[in-house]
Amino acid sequence: MTVPKQEVIDLIFIARDSSRAADVLVDRIIAASERLASFPESGRLVPEFPMLGYREVIVSSY
């Protein structure tokens, strides 16, 4: 899995404010990724690319 550069930067800023919040967010991202691996159709179709069959899970707004 490749993590977009901006998401890594955002996570670093969250960690600067609260390492606990960053840990919780990482745990939620991992859990969502594992759920998608087990149930690939559980994510929603990406609206920008409906014909490609890509799925996404929104973990958190930050």
N, C-alpha and C. Protein backbone atom coordinates (compact mmCIF):
# COMPACT_ATOMS: atom_id res chain seq x y z
N MET A 1 0.85 -1.18 0.00
CA MET A 1 0.00 0.00 0.00
C MET A 1 0.89 1.24 0.00
N THR A 2 0.59 2.18 -0.84
CA THR A 2 1.32 3.43 -0.91
C THR A 2 0.50 4.52 -0.24
N VAL A 3 1.13 5.25 0.67
CA VAL A 3 0.46 6.34 1.37
C VAL A 3 0.85 7.65 0.69
N PRO A 4 -0.15 8.43 0.27
CA PRO A 4 0.17 9.72 -0.36
C PRO A 4 0.97 10.62 0.57
N LYS A 5 1.90 11.35 -0.01
CA LYS A 5 2.81 12.20 0.75
C LYS A 5 2.07 13.19 1.65
N GLN A 6 1.00 13.81 1.16
CA GLN A 6 0.28 14.81 1.96
C GLN A 6 -0.32 14.19 3.21
N GLU A 7 -0.80 12.94 3.13
CA GLU A 7 -1.38 12.29 4.30
C GLU A 7 -0.32 12.04 5.37
N VAL A 8 0.90 11.71 4.95
CA VAL A 8 1.99 11.53 5.91
C VAL A 8 2.31 12.85 6.59
N ILE A 9 2.35 13.92 5.82
CA ILE A 9 2.62 15.25 6.39
C ILE A 9 1.52 15.63 7.38
N ASP A 10 0.26 15.37 7.01
CA ASP A 10 -0.86 15.68 7.92
C ASP A 10 -0.74 14.90 9.22
N LEU A 11 -0.35 13.63 9.11
CA LEU A 11 -0.20 12.80 10.31
C LEU A 11 0.92 13.32 11.20
N ILE A 12 1.98 13.82 10.62
CA ILE A 12 3.07 14.41 11.40
C ILE A 12 2.56 15.62 12.18
N PHE A 13 1.74 16.46 11.54
CA PHE A 13 1.20 17.63 12.23
C PHE A 13 0.26 17.21 13.36
N ILE A 14 -0.52 16.17 13.14
CA ILE A 14 -1.40 15.67 14.21
C ILE A 14 -0.55 15.18 15.37
N ALA A 15 0.52 14.45 15.08
CA ALA A 15 1.39 13.92 16.12
C ALA A 15 2.07 15.02 16.91
N ARG A 16 2.37 16.13 16.26
CA ARG A 16 2.99 17.25 16.99
C ARG A 16 2.03 17.81 18.04
N ASP A 17 0.74 17.83 17.70
CA ASP A 17 -0.26 18.32 18.65
C ASP A 17 -0.60 17.28 19.70
N SER A 18 -0.71 16.02 19.27
CA SER A 18 -1.11 14.96 20.19
C SER A 18 -0.66 13.62 19.65
N SER A 19 0.34 13.05 20.29
CA SER A 19 0.82 11.74 19.83
C SER A 19 -0.26 10.68 20.02
N ARG A 20 -1.07 10.83 21.05
CA ARG A 20 -2.17 9.88 21.28
C ARG A 20 -3.18 9.96 20.14
N ALA A 21 -3.53 11.14 19.69
CA ALA A 21 -4.47 11.30 18.58
C ALA A 21 -3.91 10.68 17.31
N ALA A 22 -2.61 10.85 17.08
CA ALA A 22 -1.97 10.26 15.91
C ALA A 22 -2.00 8.73 16.00
N ASP A 23 -1.72 8.19 17.17
CA ASP A 23 -1.78 6.73 17.36
C ASP A 23 -3.18 6.18 17.08
N VAL A 24 -4.19 6.87 17.59
CA VAL A 24 -5.57 6.44 17.38
C VAL A 24 -5.92 6.47 15.89
N LEU A 25 -5.50 7.53 15.22
CA LEU A 25 -5.78 7.66 13.79
C LEU A 25 -5.09 6.54 13.00
N VAL A 26 -3.85 6.26 13.32
CA VAL A 26 -3.13 5.19 12.63
C VAL A 26 -3.83 3.85 12.87
N ASP A 27 -4.26 3.60 14.09
CA ASP A 27 -4.98 2.35 14.40
C ASP A 27 -6.26 2.25 13.58
N ARG A 28 -6.98 3.36 13.43
CA ARG A 28 -8.22 3.36 12.65
C ARG A 28 -7.94 3.13 11.17
N ILE A 29 -6.86 3.70 10.67
CA ILE A 29 -6.49 3.50 9.26
C ILE A 29 -6.13 2.03 9.01
N ILE A 30 -5.36 1.46 9.91
CA ILE A 30 -4.97 0.05 9.77
C ILE A 30 -6.21 -0.85 9.82
N ALA A 31 -7.11 -0.59 10.77
CA ALA A 31 -8.33 -1.40 10.88
C ALA A 31 -9.18 -1.30 9.62
N ALA A 32 -9.31 -0.10 9.07
CA ALA A 32 -10.08 0.09 7.85
C ALA A 32 -9.43 -0.64 6.68
N SER A 33 -8.10 -0.61 6.61
CA SER A 33 -7.37 -1.30 5.53
C SER A 33 -7.56 -2.81 5.64
N GLU A 34 -7.49 -3.32 6.85
CA GLU A 34 -7.68 -4.77 7.05
C GLU A 34 -9.10 -5.18 6.71
N ARG A 35 -10.07 -4.34 7.06
CA ARG A 35 -11.47 -4.64 6.73
C ARG A 35 -11.67 -4.66 5.21
N LEU A 36 -11.06 -3.70 4.52
CA LEU A 36 -11.15 -3.69 3.05
C LEU A 36 -10.48 -4.92 2.44
N ALA A 37 -9.39 -5.36 3.03
CA ALA A 37 -8.71 -6.55 2.51
C ALA A 37 -9.61 -7.78 2.65
N SER A 38 -10.35 -7.86 3.75
CA SER A 38 -11.24 -8.99 3.98
C SER A 38 -12.56 -8.85 3.24
N PHE A 39 -13.04 -7.63 3.14
CA PHE A 39 -14.34 -7.35 2.51
C PHE A 39 -14.16 -6.22 1.50
N PRO A 40 -13.60 -6.52 0.34
CA PRO A 40 -13.23 -5.47 -0.62
C PRO A 40 -14.38 -4.63 -1.14
N GLU A 41 -15.60 -5.10 -1.04
CA GLU A 41 -16.72 -4.30 -1.52
C GLU A 41 -17.36 -3.49 -0.40
N SER A 42 -16.73 -3.46 0.78
CA SER A 42 -17.30 -2.70 1.90
C SER A 42 -17.06 -1.21 1.77
N GLY A 43 -16.09 -0.80 1.00
CA GLY A 43 -15.86 0.62 0.78
C GLY A 43 -16.81 1.15 -0.27
N ARG A 44 -16.93 2.46 -0.31
CA ARG A 44 -17.81 3.05 -1.32
C ARG A 44 -17.03 3.22 -2.62
N LEU A 45 -17.74 3.22 -3.72
CA LEU A 45 -17.10 3.49 -5.01
C LEU A 45 -16.60 4.93 -5.01
N VAL A 46 -15.41 5.12 -5.50
CA VAL A 46 -14.83 6.46 -5.58
C VAL A 46 -15.62 7.25 -6.62
N PRO A 47 -16.30 8.34 -6.20
CA PRO A 47 -17.18 9.07 -7.12
C PRO A 47 -16.47 9.61 -8.36
N GLU A 48 -15.20 9.96 -8.22
CA GLU A 48 -14.46 10.51 -9.36
C GLU A 48 -14.16 9.46 -10.43
N PHE A 49 -14.17 8.18 -10.04
CA PHE A 49 -13.80 7.09 -10.96
C PHE A 49 -14.78 5.92 -10.85
N PRO A 50 -16.07 6.15 -11.03
CA PRO A 50 -17.04 5.07 -10.81
C PRO A 50 -16.86 3.88 -11.75
N MET A 51 -16.37 4.10 -12.93
CA MET A 51 -16.25 3.02 -13.90
C MET A 51 -15.03 2.12 -13.63
N LEU A 52 -14.09 2.58 -12.80
CA LEU A 52 -12.88 1.80 -12.53
C LEU A 52 -13.06 0.79 -11.41
N GLY A 53 -14.13 0.94 -10.62
CA GLY A 53 -14.38 0.00 -9.54
C GLY A 53 -13.53 0.21 -8.30
N TYR A 54 -12.85 1.36 -8.21
CA TYR A 54 -12.04 1.65 -7.02
C TYR A 54 -12.95 1.89 -5.83
N ARG A 55 -12.53 1.46 -4.66
CA ARG A 55 -13.29 1.64 -3.44
C ARG A 55 -12.47 2.47 -2.46
N GLU A 56 -13.17 3.18 -1.57
CA GLU A 56 -12.49 3.97 -0.55
C GLU A 56 -13.26 3.91 0.76
N VAL A 57 -12.55 4.15 1.82
CA VAL A 57 -13.15 4.25 3.14
C VAL A 57 -12.66 5.57 3.74
N ILE A 58 -13.59 6.40 4.15
CA ILE A 58 -13.22 7.64 4.83
C ILE A 58 -13.03 7.30 6.30
N VAL A 59 -11.81 7.44 6.79
CA VAL A 59 -11.50 7.07 8.16
C VAL A 59 -11.82 8.20 9.11
N SER A 60 -11.44 9.41 8.75
CA SER A 60 -11.63 10.53 9.65
C SER A 60 -11.41 11.83 8.87
N SER A 61 -12.11 12.86 9.30
CA SER A 61 -11.78 14.16 8.77
C SER A 61 -10.84 14.80 9.77
N TYR A 62 -9.78 15.38 9.30
CA TYR A 62 -8.82 15.98 10.23
C TYR A 62 -8.32 17.28 9.68
